[in-house]
Every structure is written in C-alpha cells, then in structure tokens.
N, C-alpha and C. Protein backbone atom coordinates (compact mmCIF):
# COMPACT_ATOMS: atom_id res chain seq x y z
N MET A 1 21.29 -9.84 -4.00
CA MET A 1 19.72 -9.54 -3.66
C MET A 1 20.43 -8.68 -2.28
N LYS A 2 21.60 -8.86 -1.94
CA LYS A 2 22.29 -7.70 -0.93
C LYS A 2 22.39 -6.55 -1.88
N THR A 3 22.92 -6.21 -3.21
CA THR A 3 23.49 -5.40 -3.77
C THR A 3 22.04 -4.38 -3.87
N ILE A 4 21.40 -4.67 -4.12
CA ILE A 4 19.60 -4.30 -4.43
C ILE A 4 18.96 -3.51 -2.88
N ILE A 5 19.34 -4.72 -2.30
CA ILE A 5 19.45 -4.17 -0.79
C ILE A 5 19.99 -2.58 -0.34
N ASP A 6 20.98 -2.84 -0.58
CA ASP A 6 21.79 -1.75 -0.24
C ASP A 6 21.69 -0.65 -0.99
N GLN A 7 21.18 -0.37 -2.26
CA GLN A 7 21.12 0.16 -3.17
C GLN A 7 19.84 0.77 -2.51
N LEU A 8 18.98 0.10 -1.80
CA LEU A 8 17.70 0.78 -1.39
C LEU A 8 17.74 1.56 -0.33
N ALA A 9 18.72 1.26 0.19
CA ALA A 9 19.21 1.80 1.65
C ALA A 9 19.82 2.78 1.93
N LEU A 10 20.40 3.25 0.26
CA LEU A 10 21.01 4.72 0.33
C LEU A 10 20.49 5.35 -0.94
N SER A 11 19.14 4.53 -1.71
CA SER A 11 18.57 5.86 -2.55
C SER A 11 17.39 5.87 -2.13
N HIS A 12 17.01 4.92 -1.54
CA HIS A 12 15.41 4.78 -0.86
C HIS A 12 14.45 4.82 -2.29
N ALA A 13 15.03 4.59 -3.42
CA ALA A 13 14.26 3.91 -4.57
C ALA A 13 14.75 3.17 -4.92
N LEU A 14 14.20 2.17 -6.07
CA LEU A 14 14.73 0.90 -6.73
C LEU A 14 13.35 1.24 -8.26
N THR A 15 13.67 0.63 -9.22
CA THR A 15 13.22 0.68 -10.32
C THR A 15 11.99 -0.56 -10.12
N LYS A 16 11.19 -0.12 -10.59
CA LYS A 16 9.96 -1.69 -10.85
C LYS A 16 10.35 -3.29 -10.93
N GLU A 17 11.58 -2.73 -11.87
CA GLU A 17 12.02 -4.61 -11.77
C GLU A 17 12.72 -4.84 -10.76
N GLN A 18 13.42 -3.87 -10.17
CA GLN A 18 14.42 -4.44 -9.08
C GLN A 18 13.39 -4.88 -7.93
N TYR A 19 12.51 -4.14 -7.65
CA TYR A 19 11.23 -4.05 -6.89
C TYR A 19 10.47 -5.60 -7.13
N LEU A 20 10.16 -6.21 -8.38
CA LEU A 20 9.58 -7.35 -8.31
C LEU A 20 10.89 -8.25 -8.28
N SER A 21 12.44 -7.99 -8.39
CA SER A 21 13.40 -9.25 -8.33
C SER A 21 13.15 -9.39 -6.96
N LEU A 22 13.50 -8.47 -6.06
CA LEU A 22 13.47 -8.37 -4.64
C LEU A 22 12.94 -9.29 -3.87
N LEU A 23 11.21 -9.21 -4.54
CA LEU A 23 10.08 -9.84 -4.25
C LEU A 23 9.98 -10.62 -4.00
N ASP A 24 10.78 -11.65 -5.21
CA ASP A 24 10.40 -12.60 -5.93
C ASP A 24 11.11 -13.79 -5.76
N ASN A 25 12.68 -13.11 -4.94
CA ASN A 25 13.73 -13.96 -4.68
C ASN A 25 13.55 -13.65 -3.26
N MET A 26 12.56 -13.46 -2.71
CA MET A 26 12.97 -13.43 -1.39
C MET A 26 13.21 -14.97 -0.39
N ASP A 27 14.14 -14.67 0.56
CA ASP A 27 14.15 -16.13 1.26
C ASP A 27 14.52 -15.59 2.68
N GLU A 28 14.70 -16.75 3.58
CA GLU A 28 14.78 -15.93 4.73
C GLU A 28 15.89 -15.31 5.48
N GLN A 29 17.66 -15.54 4.75
CA GLN A 29 18.34 -14.85 4.67
C GLN A 29 18.05 -13.42 3.99
N THR A 30 17.56 -13.58 3.23
CA THR A 30 17.26 -11.64 1.91
C THR A 30 16.13 -11.05 3.48
N GLN A 31 15.41 -11.63 3.42
CA GLN A 31 14.47 -10.88 4.63
C GLN A 31 15.09 -10.38 5.91
N LYS A 32 15.93 -11.29 6.50
CA LYS A 32 16.41 -11.12 7.93
C LYS A 32 17.68 -9.46 7.30
N TYR A 33 18.49 -9.26 6.77
CA TYR A 33 19.12 -8.66 6.04
C TYR A 33 18.50 -7.03 5.59
N LEU A 34 17.11 -7.32 4.66
CA LEU A 34 16.26 -6.33 4.53
C LEU A 34 16.15 -6.06 5.96
N ILE A 35 15.31 -6.44 6.79
CA ILE A 35 14.79 -5.89 8.46
C ILE A 35 16.50 -5.41 9.08
N GLU A 36 17.62 -5.82 8.61
CA GLU A 36 18.56 -5.23 9.57
C GLU A 36 18.52 -4.09 8.95
N LYS A 37 18.97 -3.44 7.86
CA LYS A 37 18.85 -2.78 7.09
C LYS A 37 17.56 -1.25 7.01
N ALA A 38 16.65 -2.03 6.99
CA ALA A 38 15.43 -1.29 7.20
C ALA A 38 15.49 -0.74 9.20
N HIS A 39 16.06 -1.14 9.62
CA HIS A 39 16.17 -0.88 11.22
C HIS A 39 17.37 0.10 11.41
N ALA A 40 18.42 -0.15 10.17
CA ALA A 40 19.39 1.00 10.34
C ALA A 40 19.16 2.41 9.77
N VAL A 41 18.26 2.05 8.63
CA VAL A 41 17.76 3.18 7.65
C VAL A 41 16.47 3.89 8.93
N ARG A 42 16.31 3.43 9.48
CA ARG A 42 14.99 3.76 10.68
C ARG A 42 15.84 4.62 11.76
N SER A 43 16.83 3.94 12.78
CA SER A 43 16.85 3.85 13.56
C SER A 43 18.25 5.60 13.30
N SER A 44 18.48 5.75 11.74
CA SER A 44 19.78 6.99 11.58
C SER A 44 18.27 8.09 11.22
N THR A 45 17.31 7.67 10.83
CA THR A 45 16.54 9.35 10.50
C THR A 45 15.53 9.69 11.77
N PHE A 46 15.38 8.71 12.76
CA PHE A 46 14.32 9.03 13.44
C PHE A 46 14.99 9.14 14.65
N GLU A 47 15.92 8.38 15.07
CA GLU A 47 16.47 7.62 16.38
C GLU A 47 15.17 7.27 17.47
N ASP A 48 15.45 7.39 18.68
CA ASP A 48 14.00 6.39 19.08
C ASP A 48 13.21 7.66 19.30
N ARG A 49 13.11 9.10 18.59
CA ARG A 49 11.89 9.34 19.29
C ARG A 49 10.68 8.77 18.40
N VAL A 50 9.50 9.20 19.20
CA VAL A 50 7.91 9.15 18.49
C VAL A 50 7.77 10.36 18.13
N PHE A 51 7.02 10.22 16.98
CA PHE A 51 6.24 11.27 16.50
C PHE A 51 4.59 11.26 16.52
N MET A 52 4.12 12.11 16.95
CA MET A 52 2.59 11.76 16.82
C MET A 52 1.76 12.96 15.61
N ARG A 53 1.02 12.77 14.92
CA ARG A 53 0.33 14.05 14.30
C ARG A 53 -1.20 13.58 14.49
N GLY A 54 -1.94 14.41 14.13
CA GLY A 54 -3.31 14.68 14.45
C GLY A 54 -4.37 15.64 14.01
N LEU A 55 -5.42 15.06 13.09
CA LEU A 55 -5.70 15.72 12.49
C LEU A 55 -6.83 16.64 13.35
N ILE A 56 -7.32 18.16 13.02
CA ILE A 56 -7.88 19.32 13.57
C ILE A 56 -9.00 18.98 12.97
N GLU A 57 -10.42 18.69 13.12
CA GLU A 57 -11.46 18.92 12.34
C GLU A 57 -12.24 20.13 13.17
N PHE A 58 -12.47 21.09 11.77
CA PHE A 58 -12.93 22.70 12.15
C PHE A 58 -14.63 22.08 12.06
N THR A 59 -15.08 21.15 10.86
CA THR A 59 -16.52 20.62 11.25
C THR A 59 -16.37 19.35 11.37
N ASN A 60 -18.06 18.86 11.09
CA ASN A 60 -18.46 17.42 10.97
C ASN A 60 -19.17 17.26 9.49
N TYR A 61 -18.42 18.22 8.33
CA TYR A 61 -18.84 18.35 7.28
C TYR A 61 -17.76 18.16 6.03
N CYS A 62 -17.75 17.06 5.39
CA CYS A 62 -16.36 17.17 3.80
C CYS A 62 -17.04 16.68 3.57
N LYS A 63 -17.03 17.31 1.97
CA LYS A 63 -17.34 16.73 0.70
C LYS A 63 -16.16 15.65 0.09
N GLN A 64 -15.79 15.30 0.58
CA GLN A 64 -14.17 14.65 0.43
C GLN A 64 -15.24 12.97 0.53
N ASN A 65 -14.11 11.78 -0.09
CA ASN A 65 -14.10 10.44 0.19
C ASN A 65 -13.48 10.00 0.57
N CYS A 66 -12.60 10.37 0.93
CA CYS A 66 -11.09 9.61 1.55
C CYS A 66 -11.50 8.72 2.60
N THR A 67 -10.90 7.20 2.03
CA THR A 67 -11.26 6.13 2.96
C THR A 67 -10.87 6.15 4.52
N TYR A 68 -9.83 6.84 4.69
CA TYR A 68 -9.24 6.77 6.51
C TYR A 68 -9.89 7.75 7.49
N CYS A 69 -10.95 8.61 6.57
CA CYS A 69 -11.32 9.48 7.15
C CYS A 69 -12.88 9.01 8.37
N GLY A 70 -12.64 9.60 9.24
CA GLY A 70 -14.12 9.59 10.14
C GLY A 70 -15.30 10.46 9.79
N ILE A 71 -14.71 11.24 8.51
CA ILE A 71 -16.25 12.35 8.33
C ILE A 71 -16.16 12.58 6.99
N ARG A 72 -15.61 11.39 6.40
CA ARG A 72 -16.19 11.40 4.85
C ARG A 72 -17.45 11.29 4.40
N ALA A 73 -17.43 11.91 3.39
CA ALA A 73 -19.02 12.31 2.78
C ALA A 73 -20.22 10.86 2.72
N ASP A 74 -19.35 9.77 2.53
CA ASP A 74 -20.18 8.71 2.33
C ASP A 74 -20.57 7.91 3.48
C-alpha cells in the first residue's frame, strides 16, 4: 500500500482500481502513513498559510439550484 500512497503523493492521481485497493486494504498502519503523506503534501503546498474565499452576491435572485448556496432557486 505504501507504493500506491507514494504514487498518489507524487502524481496526485490514481486509477479507480488503485483507489479501491487502497480503501479495501486500509489498516491502521496504512492510514497513519497516508495521513503523514497528506500532511507533507499540504505543508509543501500551503505551508502554514490560511486562504479564505468569499462569495459576493450582486442580487438575491438566482436561477441555478446549487445545493451549497443560500440563494439557490428552490
């Protein structure tokens, strides 16, 4: 499993079969290794910075129906 996790950390992508294999064979040791690799990738990408985003609404009307939005159509 470490080989798959290492590949994921380098390429940021796996095949469907690799994802399924990783999930089906997840044990405590594999999970710990995955978390360590994820932390290393996050640290190398964002360091200790925090990024904030916000939505600026120009009206309170929208014809779209995005499930996350407070002004969605329904």
